Amino acid sequence: MGQAPKRLLKRTDFLTVRRGEKRRGRFFLVEVLNRGDSEAPRVGFTVTKKVGNAVVRNRVRRRLKEAVRTYAAADMESGHDYVIVGREDVLTAPFGELKAELSRRIHAKR
């Protein structure tokens, strides 16, 4: 814990994380995969076209990135990959509520 997360950028990495655990929330879905190493955590963001046009999707993505950067990055475990799939409710949620939900989903264990 404590390392700043790196970014997931390649489609193959996103598809690999889909095999991992899924943690559903009100504002987003968090997919988590334990890579089995001690490297820095990696995080990727995706928003489906169902949410809206490119402008709306980018706004959702930017809010999620900022919530991770300012609050949830410290909660991420080393050796894990996280993919956050944003929903439209991210735009209307108070930022404090968004941060709290993100932290809950990252900490959730099955």
C-alpha atoms as a PDB file:
ATOM      1  CA  MET A   1       0.000   0.000   0.000  1.00  0.00           C
ATOM      2  CA  GLY A   2       1.009   3.585  -0.415  1.00  0.00           C
ATOM      3  CA  GLN A   3       2.623   3.511  -3.863  1.00  0.00           C
ATOM      4  CA  ALA A   4       1.131   5.858  -6.424  1.00  0.00           C
ATOM      5  CA  PRO A   5      -0.818   3.810  -8.971  1.00  0.00           C
ATOM      6  CA  LYS A   6       0.355   3.510 -12.540  1.00  0.00           C
ATOM      7  CA  ARG A   7      -2.075   3.585 -15.467  1.00  0.00           C
ATOM      8  CA  LEU A   8      -3.496   0.672 -17.416  1.00  0.00           C
ATOM      9  CA  LEU A   9      -3.465   1.717 -21.060  1.00  0.00           C
ATOM     10  CA  LYS A  10      -3.510  -1.408 -23.232  1.00  0.00           C
ATOM     11  CA  ARG A  11      -6.726  -3.171 -24.175  1.00  0.00           C
ATOM     12  CA  THR A  12      -5.199  -6.557 -23.323  1.00  0.00           C
ATOM     13  CA  ASP A  13      -4.548  -5.370 -19.749  1.00  0.00           C
ATOM     14  CA  PHE A  14      -8.170  -4.249 -19.397  1.00  0.00           C
ATOM     15  CA  LEU A  15      -9.408  -7.610 -20.703  1.00  0.00           C
ATOM     16  CA  THR A  16      -7.124  -9.485 -18.296  1.00  0.00           C
ATOM     17  CA  VAL A  17      -8.540  -7.600 -15.297  1.00  0.00           C
ATOM     18  CA  ARG A  18     -12.070  -8.658 -16.311  1.00  0.00           C
ATOM     19  CA  ARG A  19     -11.182 -12.176 -15.085  1.00  0.00           C
ATOM     20  CA  GLY A  20     -10.776 -10.815 -11.559  1.00  0.00           C
ATOM     21  CA  GLU A  21     -13.200  -9.903  -8.811  1.00  0.00           C
ATOM     22  CA  LYS A  22     -16.062  -7.508  -9.556  1.00  0.00           C
ATOM     23  CA  ARG A  23     -17.198  -5.027  -6.904  1.00  0.00           C
ATOM     24  CA  ARG A  24     -20.433  -3.316  -7.864  1.00  0.00           C
ATOM     25  CA  GLY A  25     -21.314   0.115  -6.560  1.00  0.00           C
ATOM     26  CA  ARG A  26     -23.903   2.788  -7.145  1.00  0.00           C
ATOM     27  CA  PHE A  27     -21.631   5.004  -9.216  1.00  0.00           C
ATOM     28  CA  PHE A  28     -19.278   2.491 -10.820  1.00  0.00           C
ATOM     29  CA  LEU A  29     -18.072  -1.074 -11.085  1.00  0.00           C
ATOM     30  CA  VAL A  30     -14.566  -1.838  -9.820  1.00  0.00           C
ATOM     31  CA  GLU A  31     -12.813  -4.862 -11.301  1.00  0.00           C
ATOM     32  CA  VAL A  32      -9.806  -6.052  -9.296  1.00  0.00           C
ATOM     33  CA  LEU A  33      -7.128  -8.578 -10.217  1.00  0.00           C
ATOM     34  CA  ASN A  34      -4.247  -9.709  -8.029  1.00  0.00           C
ATOM     35  CA  ARG A  35      -1.198  -9.894 -10.299  1.00  0.00           C
ATOM     36  CA  GLY A  36       0.830 -11.777  -7.690  1.00  0.00           C
ATOM     37  CA  ASP A  37       3.779  -9.379  -7.566  1.00  0.00           C
ATOM     38  CA  SER A  38       4.815  -6.433  -5.385  1.00  0.00           C
ATOM     39  CA  GLU A  39       4.882  -3.782  -8.109  1.00  0.00           C
ATOM     40  CA  ALA A  40       2.897  -0.555  -7.829  1.00  0.00           C
ATOM     41  CA  PRO A  41      -0.865  -0.908  -8.331  1.00  0.00           C
ATOM     42  CA  ARG A  42      -2.230  -0.065 -11.772  1.00  0.00           C
ATOM     43  CA  VAL A  43      -5.557   1.603 -12.498  1.00  0.00           C
ATOM     44  CA  GLY A  44      -7.586   2.024 -15.667  1.00  0.00           C
ATOM     45  CA  PHE A  45     -10.790   3.938 -16.350  1.00  0.00           C
ATOM     46  CA  THR A  46     -13.517   3.119 -18.834  1.00  0.00           C
ATOM     47  CA  VAL A  47     -16.969   4.499 -19.545  1.00  0.00           C
ATOM     48  CA  THR A  48     -19.317   2.787 -21.997  1.00  0.00           C
ATOM     49  CA  LYS A  49     -21.132   4.572 -24.809  1.00  0.00           C
ATOM     50  CA  LYS A  50     -24.389   3.785 -23.012  1.00  0.00           C
ATOM     51  CA  VAL A  51     -23.514   6.596 -20.566  1.00  0.00           C
ATOM     52  CA  GLY A  52     -23.581   9.307 -23.238  1.00  0.00           C
ATOM     53  CA  ASN A  53     -21.605  11.052 -25.935  1.00  0.00           C
ATOM     54  CA  ALA A  54     -17.842  11.650 -25.797  1.00  0.00           C
ATOM     55  CA  VAL A  55     -18.168  14.862 -23.784  1.00  0.00           C
ATOM     56  CA  VAL A  56     -20.244  13.169 -21.078  1.00  0.00           C
ATOM     57  CA  ARG A  57     -17.986  10.099 -20.977  1.00  0.00           C
ATOM     58  CA  ASN A  58     -14.880  12.271 -20.600  1.00  0.00           C
ATOM     59  CA  ARG A  59     -16.478  14.229 -17.747  1.00  0.00           C
ATOM     60  CA  VAL A  60     -17.261  10.957 -15.942  1.00  0.00           C
ATOM     61  CA  ARG A  61     -13.695   9.730 -16.530  1.00  0.00           C
ATOM     62  CA  ARG A  62     -12.158  12.998 -15.290  1.00  0.00           C
ATOM     63  CA  ARG A  63     -14.190  12.929 -12.064  1.00  0.00           C
ATOM     64  CA  LEU A  64     -13.139   9.344 -11.391  1.00  0.00           C
ATOM     65  CA  LYS A  65      -9.474  10.098 -12.103  1.00  0.00           C
ATOM     66  CA  GLU A  66      -9.539  13.024  -9.690  1.00  0.00           C
ATOM     67  CA  ALA A  67     -11.212  10.956  -6.958  1.00  0.00           C
ATOM     68  CA  VAL A  68      -8.511   8.303  -7.306  1.00  0.00           C
ATOM     69  CA  ARG A  69      -5.703  10.859  -7.425  1.00  0.00           C
ATOM     70  CA  THR A  70      -6.786  12.854  -4.390  1.00  0.00           C
ATOM     71  CA  TYR A  71      -8.237  10.166  -2.191  1.00  0.00           C
ATOM     72  CA  ALA A  72      -8.267   6.511  -3.207  1.00  0.00           C
ATOM     73  CA  ALA A  73      -4.719   6.011  -4.544  1.00  0.00           C
ATOM     74  CA  ALA A  74      -3.425   5.337  -1.030  1.00  0.00           C
ATOM     75  CA  ASP A  75      -6.058   2.603  -0.545  1.00  0.00           C
ATOM     76  CA  MET A  76      -4.873   0.544  -3.522  1.00  0.00           C
ATOM     77  CA  GLU A  77      -2.811  -2.553  -2.781  1.00  0.00           C
ATOM     78  CA  SER A  78       0.526  -3.257  -4.439  1.00  0.00           C
ATOM     79  CA  GLY A  79       0.438  -6.035  -6.997  1.00  0.00           C
ATOM     80  CA  HIS A  80      -3.196  -5.370  -7.965  1.00  0.00           C
ATOM     81  CA  ASP A  81      -4.815  -4.003 -11.104  1.00  0.00           C
ATOM     82  CA  TYR A  82      -8.013  -1.968 -10.867  1.00  0.00           C
ATOM     83  CA  VAL A  83     -10.414  -1.084 -13.677  1.00  0.00           C
ATOM     84  CA  ILE A  84     -13.111   1.430 -12.780  1.00  0.00           C
ATOM     85  CA  VAL A  85     -16.143   1.364 -15.071  1.00  0.00           C
ATOM     86  CA  GLY A  86     -17.986   4.656 -14.608  1.00  0.00           C
ATOM     87  CA  ARG A  87     -21.729   5.209 -14.682  1.00  0.00           C
ATOM     88  CA  GLU A  88     -23.661   8.375 -15.456  1.00  0.00           C
ATOM     89  CA  ASP A  89     -24.512   8.939 -11.761  1.00  0.00           C
ATOM     90  CA  VAL A  90     -20.859   9.960 -11.244  1.00  0.00           C
ATOM     91  CA  LEU A  91     -21.709  13.371 -12.731  1.00  0.00           C
ATOM     92  CA  THR A  92     -24.450  14.236 -10.246  1.00  0.00           C
ATOM     93  CA  ALA A  93     -22.956  12.676  -7.109  1.00  0.00           C
ATOM     94  CA  PRO A  94     -21.374  14.986  -4.525  1.00  0.00           C
ATOM     95  CA  PHE A  95     -17.602  14.575  -4.717  1.00  0.00           C
ATOM     96  CA  GLY A  96     -17.315  13.546  -1.063  1.00  0.00           C
ATOM     97  CA  GLU A  97     -19.827  10.758  -1.603  1.00  0.00           C
ATOM     98  CA  LEU A  98     -17.980   9.646  -4.728  1.00  0.00           C
ATOM     99  CA  LYS A  99     -14.674   9.454  -2.826  1.00  0.00           C
ATOM    100  CA  ALA A 100     -16.236   7.490   0.042  1.00  0.00           C
ATOM    101  CA  GLU A 101     -17.873   4.983  -2.323  1.00  0.00           C
ATOM    102  CA  LEU A 102     -14.610   4.522  -4.209  1.00  0.00           C
ATOM    103  CA  SER A 103     -12.725   3.838  -0.996  1.00  0.00           C
ATOM    104  CA  ARG A 104     -15.380   1.315   0.109  1.00  0.00           C
ATOM    105  CA  ARG A 105     -15.206  -0.565  -3.197  1.00  0.00           C
ATOM    106  CA  ILE A 106     -11.400  -0.660  -3.202  1.00  0.00           C
ATOM    107  CA  HIS A 107     -11.307  -2.005   0.378  1.00  0.00           C
ATOM    108  CA  ALA A 108     -14.116  -4.526  -0.115  1.00  0.00           C
ATOM    109  CA  LYS A 109     -13.012  -8.141   0.240  1.00  0.00           C
ATOM    110  CA  ARG A 110     -15.052 -11.206  -0.567  1.00  0.00           C
END
